[in-house]
Each structure stands twice: as structure tokens, then as C-alpha cells.
Amino acid sequence: MSVRNLTPAEVQTALDSGDIHLIDVRETYEYERVRVAGSVNQPLSTFHPADLPQDGKEIIFMCAGGVRSLRAIEAAQAFGIAVDAHLAPGINGWIAEGLPVEA
């Protein structure tokens, strides 16, 4: 499995450029408590790669700490979708960097 571990700063830059879809695979109750603006919730428990946007923008996964996002990458790659990037430290790392969140 090919994986790129992105930092919060790298993901923020990509979000600001409008060139990515940030897919948060945490459960809905986690997403509703705190989330990155511009992210879309697709919980891993009900995740299917066919539901990912297919508009040419890069897909970057995120979760709480980087484990579930790796599982989502693995599932997408097994399905034949070229996704290899995730927010390695998850939203916990995002918050630790002092980057903005919504609640």
C-alpha cells in the first residue's frame, strides 16, 4: 500500500487552494463535535469507495489520529481508486497545531 503522510500545514494549504476533497472517516458523532471546515464526513463504519467524489480533485482522508484514514486508503486502493494521502496525525494533530476547527 502506497501512503503519503501529510502534515496539518500541508493539508491546510491544499484546502485553501481548493484542489482537494478532505474526507473525514470518523463517526458522525465525532464529526459533529469538532471538524475541519470544508471536510466531508464519510464514516469508516459505512464507508464504500464508490461513494467518493470522482471529479479529478485529490482525495485526502483524515480521522482522529491516523489509523482509520489508513484503512480508508487501503479500501480505496483495493477498489481501484488512486488515493494515497491522509492527514497523518488526524484532527488531534490539527488541533495541536492550532489550526481552525468548527464545532
Protein backbone atom coordinates (compact mmCIF):
# COMPACT_ATOMS: atom_id res chain seq x y z
CA MET A 1 0.00 0.00 0.00
CA SER A 2 1.39 3.37 -1.04
CA VAL A 3 0.76 6.14 1.53
CA ARG A 4 1.69 9.80 1.84
CA ASN A 5 1.63 11.10 5.42
CA LEU A 6 0.63 14.75 5.23
CA THR A 7 1.09 17.33 7.97
CA PRO A 8 -1.68 19.64 9.13
CA ALA A 9 0.06 22.56 7.38
CA GLU A 10 0.20 20.65 4.08
CA VAL A 11 -3.49 19.79 4.30
CA GLN A 12 -4.43 23.38 5.20
CA THR A 13 -2.54 24.65 2.14
CA ALA A 14 -4.29 22.10 -0.07
CA LEU A 15 -7.70 23.04 1.37
CA ASP A 16 -7.00 26.72 0.81
CA SER A 17 -6.14 26.01 -2.83
CA GLY A 18 -9.50 24.26 -3.37
CA ASP A 19 -7.77 21.36 -5.10
CA ILE A 20 -8.74 18.57 -2.69
CA HIS A 21 -11.61 16.75 -1.05
CA LEU A 22 -10.87 16.24 2.65
CA ILE A 23 -12.81 13.14 3.65
CA ASP A 24 -13.22 12.66 7.40
CA VAL A 25 -13.82 8.98 8.17
CA ARG A 26 -14.59 9.45 11.87
CA GLU A 27 -18.05 8.51 13.09
CA THR A 28 -20.80 11.12 12.69
CA TYR A 29 -20.96 11.91 16.41
CA GLU A 30 -17.21 12.66 16.39
CA TYR A 31 -17.53 14.82 13.28
CA GLU A 32 -20.43 16.78 14.76
CA ARG A 33 -18.38 17.62 17.87
CA VAL A 34 -15.40 19.08 16.01
CA ARG A 35 -14.38 19.14 12.35
CA VAL A 36 -12.15 20.86 9.83
CA ALA A 37 -14.04 23.42 7.76
CA GLY A 38 -14.50 22.13 4.23
CA SER A 39 -14.24 18.47 5.17
CA VAL A 40 -16.92 15.90 4.31
CA ASN A 41 -17.94 13.12 6.67
CA GLN A 42 -17.97 9.55 5.35
CA PRO A 43 -17.70 7.32 8.46
CA LEU A 44 -15.45 4.31 8.06
CA SER A 45 -18.16 2.08 9.57
CA THR A 46 -20.34 2.68 6.49
CA PHE A 47 -17.61 3.70 4.04
CA HIS A 48 -17.65 2.49 0.46
CA PRO A 49 -15.05 3.78 -2.01
CA ALA A 50 -17.69 4.05 -4.75
CA ASP A 51 -19.18 6.97 -2.78
CA LEU A 52 -16.03 9.08 -3.09
CA PRO A 53 -16.16 12.16 -5.32
CA GLN A 54 -14.78 11.49 -8.81
CA ASP A 55 -14.23 14.99 -10.16
CA GLY A 56 -10.46 14.95 -10.57
CA LYS A 57 -9.63 16.63 -7.27
CA GLU A 58 -7.23 14.81 -4.98
CA ILE A 59 -8.83 12.93 -2.08
CA ILE A 60 -7.19 13.18 1.31
CA PHE A 61 -8.53 11.15 4.23
CA MET A 62 -8.48 12.11 7.88
CA CYS A 63 -9.69 10.69 11.18
CA ALA A 64 -8.86 11.25 14.85
CA GLY A 65 -5.27 10.02 14.90
CA GLY A 66 -4.36 8.46 11.55
CA VAL A 67 -5.46 4.82 11.90
CA ARG A 68 -8.91 4.85 10.31
CA SER A 69 -7.69 7.08 7.49
CA LEU A 70 -5.10 4.41 6.63
CA ARG A 71 -7.89 1.83 6.49
CA ALA A 72 -9.84 4.09 4.12
CA ILE A 73 -6.78 4.42 1.85
CA GLU A 74 -6.41 0.64 1.82
CA ALA A 75 -10.09 0.16 0.95
CA ALA A 76 -9.98 2.78 -1.82
CA GLN A 77 -6.83 1.29 -3.35
CA ALA A 78 -8.32 -2.23 -3.20
CA PHE A 79 -11.36 -0.83 -5.04
CA GLY A 80 -9.11 0.60 -7.75
CA ILE A 81 -9.18 4.27 -6.77
CA ALA A 82 -5.82 6.04 -6.72
CA VAL A 83 -5.86 7.54 -3.24
CA ASP A 84 -2.68 7.60 -1.17
CA ALA A 85 -2.79 10.63 1.15
CA HIS A 86 -4.01 11.22 4.66
CA LEU A 87 -3.67 13.73 7.45
CA ALA A 88 -1.20 11.58 9.39
CA PRO A 89 -1.80 12.99 12.90
CA GLY A 90 -5.55 13.30 12.32
CA ILE A 91 -7.70 16.01 13.77
CA ASN A 92 -5.86 15.63 17.08
CA GLY A 93 -2.68 16.80 15.35
CA TRP A 94 -4.61 19.51 13.53
CA ILE A 95 -5.88 20.90 16.84
CA ALA A 96 -2.43 20.58 18.45
CA GLU A 97 -1.05 22.78 15.63
CA GLY A 98 -3.64 25.44 16.50
CA LEU A 99 -5.40 25.24 13.13
CA PRO A 100 -9.07 26.28 12.96
CA VAL A 101 -11.95 23.88 13.57
CA GLU A 102 -15.72 24.07 13.56
CA ALA A 103 -17.97 22.67 16.25
